[in-house]
Structures are given as structure tokens and as C-alpha cells.
Amino acid sequence: MNLLLKLAVGMIAGLLIGQWMPDGVIRAFVTFEVLFGDFLKFIIPFIIIFFIVSGIASLKSNSGRTLGVTVALAYLSSVAAGLLAVGAGLLTLDFYTAPVLSLQQEAIEKLKPFFIVTIPPVLDVMSALTVAFMFGIGINVSKNALLKNVADGCTEIIELTIKKIIIPLLPFYICSVFANMAAEGAVFQTLETYGFVLLLAIALHWIYLIVLYCFAGALSQSNPFTALKKMLPAYFTAIGTMSSSATIPVSLKQTKQYIKNPGIADFTVPLCATIHLAGSTITLISCAIAVMVLNHIAEPSLGLLLPFVFMLAVVMVAAPGVPGGGVMAALGILSSMLGFPEEALGLMIALYVAQDSLGTACNVTGDGAIAMIVDRFCHPK
């Protein structure tokens, strides 16, 4: 919540700077926005590579069927959540398109940065994903302890970079983005729409959780609402911690109260805390559709969004376990697959972090339903 407060202050400061400060001051913020945006693009391939390699290499390959079922269910769950968000976004598209004409009419020429220092990424997103899965699976199969330690060590460095550099500078980046938007005259008319998008995402979280638990309950022949009620302590704990990993002890305790085989919970809950991010997927897609329309990036369509949904569910495996980690992992495909420029990426960060705790709460609560389904298929009556 501390980060959310800082981002809110950054947004408000950016609005005031963009409205009242001279162009020279705003250009300084635009310069920081461009530099920081380039740094984000530079670090994205490293986030993808090392977090995916470390995650796959850490999987217990001797778990056999249980591992396969859990990973498949987590992926399918994230894809289903993404499809729900796509459907809801397309159905409410008219709401987003209402202010577009006025935005086009009132926008003014963009201010230029004082200077640009280009930091080209070492790899593009698809190359990074290919390298990550190749080495992750290879290390897992070969049991190469040296490469596993190297991957884990590099993951720690990237996580430190996120915690010590990117997260502390995010409020200034958001301030710069909103200062630039305010100077263009485009920001105030879009804030109401973005508020609607966040409320829509939260509603979709709960719709998805109810459907997921009803499906799990039908398969396991148990009461889904009893199970969902028992997971509420984990839900509210995640709101406070903003971390799936930090909520694992509570999630485990609550899941074992209704699952038939406690050993399944011991395996699936910690694993799903890393690979099952259905709530984060819903938020990212809901926000992405709004940003696409209101910033004239592209016309949302099934043909454009469906490949993004399937790739996003894969990329979420690379999400670092820090506040805002989901959107950090997704920045690469937002840029490469949907064509998001730096300003749009800044908006995505702000919108995502604004509800990060609620998305995380949806993630961990859904882990309990995944555990119910795994228990049904791996330890049937």
C-alpha cells in the first residue's frame, strides 16, 4: 500500500506540473520518462529469462502426473481468465470510445525530451522466451546444479534491481507520464474511464473466482462456496501483503481445511503462487484494452487479443514476486504484440499497481480451487 500511495502522489504531482509548470520543466520530466522507459525495455528480457529459467529449473520433475496436471490447470485457468476479460472489454468498448474524438481534437504537439540515450535490449521478447524455456527445461532435465545456482543468483540480482531501482523510481516515472499527458490536454477526460476499468477488473475477479470454485466443486463433489469462504483469510492477507509468496502459509492452512489430501495442498499451493496469476491476467487485459482505445494504439479485436492472452499466460510465469511484478513481466509483449509506446506502458504500470493487491488476492484465492481439481484427478476416490 505504501507504493500505491507514492504512485498516487506521483500522479497528482504530474497533473499539477503538466498544467501549471513551464515547458522547460515539463521537458525535463519527459526526458526522465524516455530514459526510464528505455531502461525498462532493456531489463525486460532479463526478467523473462532468469525468472522463467529459475522457476522451471526448480520444479520437482519427479512429481510426475501431479506436476503436469497442476501446470496445465494453472495455464488454462489464466487463459480462461484472460478470455473473460477480453469478452467483458469488447462488450463495454462503446464506453471507452466516447471521449476519443475530443481527445484527438484537444491534443497538442508533444513536448520533446532534452536528449535521448538509447539503451537497446540485448534480446527481443520472443528470443528471451525461447532462451528461457530452453535453458529452464534443460537444467531441470539434466539436474545441472551449477547452472541452477547461476540462474538463481542472476534472478536475485534482477529482483534486487526491481526492488532497489525500478520500484523506487516508479513514482517519478508515473509523475513524468502524467505531466506529459496533462501538458497535451488529454489526461482529465480519461481518468473517469480508467476508474471504471479498475472497478470492472475487480468485478471480473469475483465472477471468475465463483465460476472457478463452482467448476472445482462439481468435479470434486464438494460445496464450492464453503471452500471459497474458507479461503477468505488468504484473500485478505494477500490484500495486505501484495505478494502471493508471502501469503503461502495462510493459503496452505486454509486449503487444508477442505481438501481431501493435504499432500496435494503442500505441492500445488506453493507452485501455483508462482505460475497461477488469473487475477493479474484479468487486470492486465482489462487495462490494456482501455489504454489501446484511449491512446489510439489499435482497435481491440479477437484476432489481436487472443494471441496476446495465450502468450500472457506463459509470460506470467516470469512475474517477479514483488508489488507490480505482473505488469513488469508483461511489458515486453505489451510492446511487441500490442504496439504499446513508452507513455502507454507507464499508464499500464500505474493502472496495474492501483489494484495490485486485489489482483494478487484473486490469484491466491484461485490457487485453492486448482488444488481441489488436482486432488480430484491425482487422488480420485
Protein backbone atom coordinates (compact mmCIF):
# COMPACT_ATOMS: atom_id res chain seq x y z
CA MET A 1 0.00 0.00 0.00
CA ASN A 2 2.96 2.29 0.54
CA LEU A 3 3.86 2.02 -3.14
CA LEU A 4 0.26 2.73 -4.13
CA LEU A 5 0.28 5.91 -2.04
CA LYS A 6 3.54 7.03 -3.65
CA LEU A 7 2.13 6.39 -7.11
CA ALA A 8 -1.00 8.37 -6.27
CA VAL A 9 1.17 11.28 -5.13
CA GLY A 10 3.19 10.96 -8.34
CA MET A 11 0.05 11.07 -10.48
CA ILE A 12 -1.31 14.14 -8.71
CA ALA A 13 2.08 15.88 -8.88
CA GLY A 14 2.31 15.06 -12.58
CA LEU A 15 -1.12 16.55 -13.25
CA LEU A 16 -0.18 19.77 -11.47
CA ILE A 17 3.21 20.00 -13.20
CA GLY A 18 1.68 19.41 -16.62
CA GLN A 19 -0.95 22.08 -16.05
CA TRP A 20 1.00 24.84 -14.33
CA MET A 21 4.73 24.48 -14.96
CA PRO A 22 6.57 25.99 -17.96
CA ASP A 23 7.53 23.82 -20.92
CA GLY A 24 11.18 23.65 -19.83
CA VAL A 25 10.26 21.93 -16.57
CA ILE A 26 7.88 19.54 -18.30
CA ARG A 27 10.54 18.66 -20.87
CA ALA A 28 12.84 17.64 -18.00
CA PHE A 29 10.19 15.17 -16.84
CA VAL A 30 9.68 13.98 -20.42
CA THR A 31 13.43 13.34 -20.64
CA PHE A 32 13.30 11.20 -17.48
CA GLU A 33 10.26 9.36 -18.85
CA VAL A 34 12.11 8.45 -22.06
CA LEU A 35 15.31 7.39 -20.26
CA PHE A 36 13.50 5.29 -17.67
CA GLY A 37 11.28 3.76 -20.35
CA ASP A 38 14.37 2.69 -22.29
CA PHE A 39 15.82 1.13 -19.14
CA LEU A 40 12.59 -0.81 -18.60
CA LYS A 41 12.75 -2.17 -22.14
CA PHE A 42 16.40 -3.13 -21.57
CA ILE A 43 15.72 -5.13 -18.40
CA ILE A 44 12.57 -6.92 -19.62
CA PRO A 45 14.44 -9.75 -21.43
CA PHE A 46 16.50 -10.41 -18.28
CA ILE A 47 13.32 -10.58 -16.16
CA ILE A 48 11.83 -13.10 -18.58
CA ILE A 49 14.96 -15.23 -18.94
CA PHE A 50 16.12 -15.57 -15.35
CA PHE A 51 12.74 -15.82 -13.62
CA ILE A 52 11.44 -18.42 -16.07
CA VAL A 53 14.71 -20.40 -16.06
CA SER A 54 14.86 -20.39 -12.26
CA GLY A 55 11.17 -21.28 -11.94
CA ILE A 56 11.22 -24.20 -14.39
CA ALA A 57 14.55 -25.49 -13.09
CA SER A 58 13.11 -25.55 -9.55
CA LEU A 59 10.11 -27.71 -10.48
CA LYS A 60 10.15 -31.20 -9.00
CA SER A 61 10.33 -33.29 -12.12
CA ASN A 62 9.79 -36.48 -10.12
CA SER A 63 6.28 -35.37 -9.19
CA GLY A 64 5.04 -36.79 -12.46
CA ARG A 65 1.33 -36.57 -13.07
CA THR A 66 0.67 -34.12 -10.25
CA LEU A 67 3.12 -31.61 -11.71
CA GLY A 68 1.70 -31.94 -15.22
CA VAL A 69 -1.91 -31.56 -14.09
CA THR A 70 -1.10 -28.56 -11.87
CA VAL A 71 0.85 -26.69 -14.55
CA ALA A 72 -1.79 -27.40 -17.19
CA LEU A 73 -4.63 -26.26 -14.92
CA ALA A 74 -2.79 -23.10 -13.89
CA TYR A 75 -2.16 -22.18 -17.53
CA LEU A 76 -5.73 -22.98 -18.64
CA SER A 77 -7.09 -21.01 -15.68
CA SER A 78 -5.07 -17.94 -16.63
CA VAL A 79 -6.16 -18.29 -20.27
CA ALA A 80 -9.82 -18.60 -19.24
CA ALA A 81 -9.50 -15.52 -17.01
CA GLY A 82 -7.95 -13.65 -19.93
CA LEU A 83 -10.78 -14.67 -22.26
CA LEU A 84 -13.32 -13.44 -19.70
CA ALA A 85 -11.54 -10.08 -19.57
CA VAL A 86 -11.41 -9.88 -23.38
CA GLY A 87 -15.13 -10.59 -23.64
CA ALA A 88 -16.03 -8.02 -20.99
CA GLY A 89 -13.70 -5.44 -22.54
CA LEU A 90 -15.12 -5.85 -26.03
CA LEU A 91 -18.70 -5.73 -24.73
CA THR A 92 -18.03 -2.42 -22.95
CA LEU A 93 -15.96 -0.97 -25.80
CA ASP A 94 -18.50 1.79 -26.53
CA PHE A 95 -17.80 3.26 -23.11
CA TYR A 96 -14.12 3.64 -23.96
CA THR A 97 -14.66 5.15 -27.39
CA ALA A 98 -16.86 8.01 -26.21
CA PRO A 99 -14.07 10.51 -25.41
CA VAL A 100 -11.80 9.60 -28.33
CA LEU A 101 -12.86 12.40 -30.66
CA SER A 102 -12.44 15.09 -28.03
CA LEU A 103 -9.02 13.72 -27.17
CA GLN A 104 -7.96 13.94 -30.79
CA GLN A 105 -9.23 17.48 -31.08
CA GLU A 106 -7.66 18.80 -27.90
CA ALA A 107 -4.30 17.10 -28.06
CA ILE A 108 -1.42 19.43 -28.78
CA GLU A 109 2.05 18.83 -30.11
CA LYS A 110 4.08 16.59 -27.84
CA LEU A 111 6.99 18.08 -25.95
CA LYS A 112 10.42 16.72 -26.86
CA PRO A 113 12.99 15.45 -24.34
CA PHE A 114 16.19 17.46 -23.90
CA PHE A 115 18.24 14.46 -25.01
CA ILE A 116 17.90 10.76 -25.70
CA VAL A 117 20.26 7.98 -24.63
CA THR A 118 19.20 4.77 -26.36
CA ILE A 119 19.64 1.51 -24.41
CA PRO A 120 18.78 -1.26 -26.88
CA PRO A 121 17.61 -4.56 -25.36
CA VAL A 122 20.03 -7.46 -25.67
CA LEU A 123 17.22 -9.73 -26.95
CA ASP A 124 13.67 -9.22 -28.12
CA VAL A 125 10.82 -10.74 -26.13
CA MET A 126 10.32 -13.88 -28.23
CA SER A 127 14.06 -14.63 -28.22
CA ALA A 128 14.13 -14.20 -24.44
CA LEU A 129 11.18 -16.58 -24.02
CA THR A 130 12.83 -19.17 -26.27
CA VAL A 131 16.12 -18.97 -24.35
CA ALA A 132 14.29 -19.13 -21.02
CA PHE A 133 12.34 -22.29 -21.80
CA MET A 134 15.30 -23.97 -23.49
CA PHE A 135 17.61 -23.47 -20.52
CA GLY A 136 14.91 -23.93 -17.87
CA ILE A 137 13.79 -27.30 -19.22
CA GLY A 138 17.39 -28.30 -19.94
CA ILE A 139 18.55 -27.58 -16.39
CA ASN A 140 15.52 -29.37 -14.94
CA VAL A 141 16.17 -32.48 -17.01
CA SER A 142 19.95 -32.55 -16.71
CA LYS A 143 19.96 -31.64 -12.98
CA ASN A 144 22.92 -29.32 -13.59
CA ALA A 145 23.44 -27.82 -10.14
CA LEU A 146 25.98 -25.26 -11.35
CA LEU A 147 23.68 -23.74 -13.97
CA LYS A 148 20.79 -23.86 -11.49
CA ASN A 149 22.83 -21.86 -8.97
CA VAL A 150 23.84 -19.36 -11.68
CA ALA A 151 20.19 -18.90 -12.72
CA ASP A 152 19.11 -18.44 -9.10
CA GLY A 153 21.92 -15.94 -8.48
CA CYS A 154 21.03 -13.92 -11.58
CA THR A 155 17.37 -13.99 -10.53
CA GLU A 156 18.36 -12.47 -7.18
CA ILE A 157 20.24 -9.68 -8.97
CA ILE A 158 17.27 -8.88 -11.21
CA GLU A 159 14.92 -8.96 -8.22
CA LEU A 160 17.24 -6.57 -6.34
CA THR A 161 17.29 -4.28 -9.39
CA ILE A 162 13.50 -4.24 -9.40
CA LYS A 163 13.24 -3.64 -5.65
CA LYS A 164 16.06 -1.09 -5.27
CA ILE A 165 15.93 0.80 -8.58
CA ILE A 166 12.75 0.28 -10.59
CA ILE A 167 10.18 0.26 -7.77
CA PRO A 168 11.62 3.37 -6.00
CA LEU A 169 11.75 5.29 -9.32
CA LEU A 170 8.26 4.27 -10.43
CA PRO A 171 6.50 7.23 -8.72
CA PHE A 172 8.79 9.64 -10.58
CA TYR A 173 8.16 7.79 -13.84
CA ILE A 174 4.38 7.94 -13.31
CA CYS A 175 4.71 11.62 -12.42
CA SER A 176 6.54 12.20 -15.71
CA VAL A 177 3.95 10.27 -17.72
CA PHE A 178 1.04 12.23 -16.24
CA ALA A 179 2.86 15.56 -16.56
CA ASN A 180 3.32 14.84 -20.25
CA MET A 181 -0.32 13.82 -20.67
CA ALA A 182 -1.58 16.85 -18.77
CA ALA A 183 0.52 19.15 -20.96
CA GLU A 184 -1.12 17.56 -24.01
CA GLY A 185 -4.59 18.19 -22.56
CA ALA A 186 -5.58 14.53 -22.71
CA VAL A 187 -5.48 13.24 -19.16
CA PHE A 188 -8.53 14.58 -17.33
CA GLN A 189 -11.05 13.17 -19.78
CA THR A 190 -9.60 9.66 -19.44
CA LEU A 191 -9.34 9.35 -15.65
CA GLU A 192 -13.06 8.59 -15.26
CA THR A 193 -12.78 5.80 -17.83
CA TYR A 194 -9.74 4.30 -16.10
CA GLY A 195 -11.66 4.32 -12.80
CA PHE A 196 -14.41 2.33 -14.50
CA VAL A 197 -11.84 -0.14 -15.85
CA LEU A 198 -10.43 -0.82 -12.39
CA LEU A 199 -13.91 -1.44 -10.97
CA LEU A 200 -14.67 -3.74 -13.91
CA ALA A 201 -11.47 -5.71 -13.26
CA ILE A 202 -12.37 -6.20 -9.58
CA ALA A 203 -15.87 -7.37 -10.53
CA LEU A 204 -14.39 -9.81 -13.04
CA HIS A 205 -12.06 -11.17 -10.32
CA TRP A 206 -15.03 -12.26 -8.24
CA ILE A 207 -17.06 -13.53 -11.19
CA TYR A 208 -14.11 -15.68 -12.18
CA LEU A 209 -13.49 -16.96 -8.66
CA ILE A 210 -17.13 -18.01 -8.27
CA VAL A 211 -17.13 -19.80 -11.64
CA LEU A 212 -13.77 -21.47 -10.92
CA TYR A 213 -14.88 -22.73 -7.50
CA CYS A 214 -18.21 -23.97 -8.87
CA PHE A 215 -16.29 -25.92 -11.53
CA ALA A 216 -13.85 -27.30 -8.93
CA GLY A 217 -16.70 -28.16 -6.57
CA ALA A 218 -18.60 -30.01 -9.30
CA LEU A 219 -15.53 -32.10 -10.14
CA SER A 220 -14.62 -32.84 -6.53
CA GLN A 221 -18.24 -33.24 -5.38
CA SER A 222 -17.84 -30.68 -2.63
CA ASN A 223 -19.52 -27.39 -1.74
CA PRO A 224 -17.72 -24.63 -3.71
CA PHE A 225 -18.99 -21.80 -1.53
CA THR A 226 -17.76 -23.48 1.65
CA ALA A 227 -14.31 -23.76 0.11
CA LEU A 228 -14.41 -20.17 -1.15
CA LYS A 229 -15.46 -18.94 2.28
CA LYS A 230 -12.55 -20.77 3.92
CA MET A 231 -10.14 -19.04 1.51
CA LEU A 232 -11.24 -15.54 2.55
CA PRO A 233 -8.43 -15.20 5.16
CA ALA A 234 -5.91 -15.82 2.37
CA TYR A 235 -7.72 -13.28 0.17
CA PHE A 236 -7.49 -10.52 2.78
CA THR A 237 -3.93 -11.46 3.73
CA ALA A 238 -2.90 -11.04 0.09
CA ILE A 239 -4.51 -7.60 0.01
CA GLY A 240 -2.22 -6.57 2.84
CA THR A 241 0.98 -8.24 1.63
CA MET A 242 0.53 -7.65 -2.15
CA SER A 243 2.52 -10.87 -2.57
CA SER A 244 1.40 -14.39 -3.49
CA SER A 245 4.58 -15.82 -2.00
CA ALA A 246 4.13 -14.06 1.34
CA THR A 247 0.57 -15.40 1.55
CA ILE A 248 1.57 -19.06 1.03
CA PRO A 249 1.43 -20.03 4.76
CA VAL A 250 -2.14 -18.73 5.09
CA SER A 251 -3.19 -20.23 1.73
CA LEU A 252 -1.81 -23.63 2.77
CA LYS A 253 -3.55 -23.57 6.13
CA GLN A 254 -6.92 -22.64 4.63
CA THR A 255 -6.70 -25.05 1.69
CA LYS A 256 -6.01 -27.99 4.01
CA GLN A 257 -9.30 -27.31 5.80
CA TYR A 258 -11.38 -28.51 2.85
CA ILE A 259 -9.10 -30.51 0.55
CA LYS A 260 -9.14 -34.30 0.93
CA ASN A 261 -5.39 -34.91 0.53
CA PRO A 262 -3.19 -32.40 2.46
CA GLY A 263 -0.12 -33.51 0.49
CA ILE A 264 -1.70 -32.14 -2.68
CA ALA A 265 -2.02 -28.75 -1.00
CA ASP A 266 1.63 -28.85 0.06
CA PHE A 267 2.62 -29.30 -3.58
CA THR A 268 0.08 -27.21 -5.54
CA VAL A 269 -0.29 -24.07 -3.39
CA PRO A 270 3.41 -23.02 -3.40
CA LEU A 271 3.71 -23.90 -7.10
CA CYS A 272 0.55 -22.01 -8.07
CA ALA A 273 1.76 -18.97 -6.13
CA THR A 274 4.36 -18.67 -8.90
CA ILE A 275 2.57 -19.84 -12.05
CA HIS A 276 -1.17 -19.16 -11.48
CA LEU A 277 -1.94 -15.45 -11.95
CA ALA A 278 -5.53 -15.41 -13.18
CA GLY A 279 -6.41 -12.20 -11.30
CA SER A 280 -3.37 -10.39 -12.66
CA THR A 281 -4.24 -11.58 -16.17
CA ILE A 282 -7.75 -10.14 -15.87
CA THR A 283 -6.43 -6.78 -14.75
CA LEU A 284 -3.72 -6.56 -17.38
CA ILE A 285 -6.10 -7.31 -20.24
CA SER A 286 -8.85 -5.01 -18.95
CA CYS A 287 -6.40 -2.14 -18.60
CA ALA A 288 -4.69 -2.92 -21.91
CA ILE A 289 -7.96 -2.66 -23.85
CA ALA A 290 -8.72 0.74 -22.31
CA VAL A 291 -5.22 2.07 -22.94
CA MET A 292 -5.31 0.82 -26.55
CA VAL A 293 -8.53 2.70 -27.28
CA LEU A 294 -7.94 5.91 -25.37
CA ASN A 295 -4.40 6.30 -26.69
CA HIS A 296 -5.34 5.36 -30.29
CA ILE A 297 -2.83 2.48 -30.35
CA ALA A 298 -5.02 -0.09 -32.12
CA GLU A 299 -8.62 -1.24 -32.44
CA PRO A 300 -9.20 -4.09 -29.96
CA SER A 301 -10.39 -7.27 -31.66
CA LEU A 302 -10.42 -11.00 -31.03
CA GLY A 303 -7.80 -11.51 -33.70
CA LEU A 304 -5.42 -9.13 -31.95
CA LEU A 305 -6.17 -10.06 -28.33
CA LEU A 306 -6.41 -13.86 -28.46
CA PRO A 307 -2.71 -14.45 -29.25
CA PHE A 308 -1.87 -11.93 -26.54
CA VAL A 309 -3.96 -13.87 -23.99
CA PHE A 310 -2.20 -17.16 -24.72
CA MET A 311 1.25 -15.55 -24.58
CA LEU A 312 0.42 -13.53 -21.44
CA ALA A 313 -0.46 -16.73 -19.56
CA VAL A 314 3.03 -18.02 -20.39
CA VAL A 315 4.82 -14.78 -19.55
CA MET A 316 3.13 -14.59 -16.14
CA VAL A 317 5.43 -17.44 -15.08
CA ALA A 318 8.20 -14.82 -15.17
CA ALA A 319 6.36 -12.38 -12.90
CA PRO A 320 8.69 -11.37 -10.03
CA GLY A 321 7.28 -11.76 -6.52
CA VAL A 322 7.27 -8.03 -5.81
CA PRO A 323 4.50 -5.40 -6.00
CA GLY A 324 3.90 -4.66 -9.67
CA GLY A 325 5.77 -7.80 -10.75
CA GLY A 326 2.99 -8.96 -13.07
CA VAL A 327 3.00 -5.83 -15.19
CA MET A 328 6.81 -5.79 -15.26
CA ALA A 329 6.84 -9.25 -16.83
CA ALA A 330 4.11 -8.25 -19.30
CA LEU A 331 5.71 -5.02 -20.55
CA GLY A 332 7.61 -6.87 -23.26
CA ILE A 333 4.60 -8.41 -25.00
CA LEU A 334 2.51 -5.27 -24.46
CA SER A 335 5.13 -3.50 -26.55
CA SER A 336 5.86 -6.24 -29.10
CA MET A 337 2.38 -7.72 -29.63
CA LEU A 338 0.07 -4.75 -28.99
CA GLY A 339 2.41 -1.94 -30.02
CA PHE A 340 2.36 -0.01 -26.73
CA PRO A 341 4.67 3.04 -26.74
CA GLU A 342 6.52 4.16 -23.59
CA GLU A 343 3.75 6.51 -22.44
CA ALA A 344 1.18 3.70 -22.66
CA LEU A 345 3.49 1.36 -20.72
CA GLY A 346 3.68 3.97 -17.96
CA LEU A 347 -0.12 4.11 -17.82
CA MET A 348 -0.28 0.33 -17.62
CA ILE A 349 2.09 0.33 -14.65
CA ALA A 350 0.01 2.95 -12.84
CA LEU A 351 -3.29 1.21 -13.51
CA TYR A 352 -1.98 -2.23 -12.58
CA VAL A 353 -0.34 -1.18 -9.32
CA ALA A 354 -3.51 0.69 -8.35
CA GLN A 355 -5.23 -2.68 -7.85
CA ASP A 356 -2.23 -4.99 -7.49
CA SER A 357 -3.24 -6.15 -4.04
CA LEU A 358 -6.73 -7.14 -5.25
CA GLY A 359 -5.32 -8.96 -8.27
CA THR A 360 -2.91 -10.84 -6.01
CA ALA A 361 -5.81 -11.71 -3.70
CA CYS A 362 -7.67 -13.21 -6.67
CA ASN A 363 -4.56 -15.18 -7.64
CA VAL A 364 -4.05 -16.84 -4.25
CA THR A 365 -7.75 -17.49 -3.72
CA GLY A 366 -7.91 -19.25 -7.07
CA ASP A 367 -5.00 -21.48 -6.01
CA GLY A 368 -7.36 -23.25 -3.62
CA ALA A 369 -9.68 -24.23 -6.48
CA ILE A 370 -6.73 -25.51 -8.52
CA ALA A 371 -5.76 -27.67 -5.54
CA MET A 372 -9.29 -29.12 -5.41
CA ILE A 373 -9.16 -30.12 -9.08
CA VAL A 374 -5.65 -31.59 -8.81
CA ASP A 375 -6.77 -33.61 -5.80
CA ARG A 376 -9.69 -34.98 -7.82
CA PHE A 377 -7.59 -36.12 -10.78
CA CYS A 378 -4.43 -37.24 -8.99
CA HIS A 379 -6.08 -38.87 -5.96
CA PRO A 380 -9.60 -39.90 -7.05
CA LYS A 381 -11.86 -41.73 -4.66
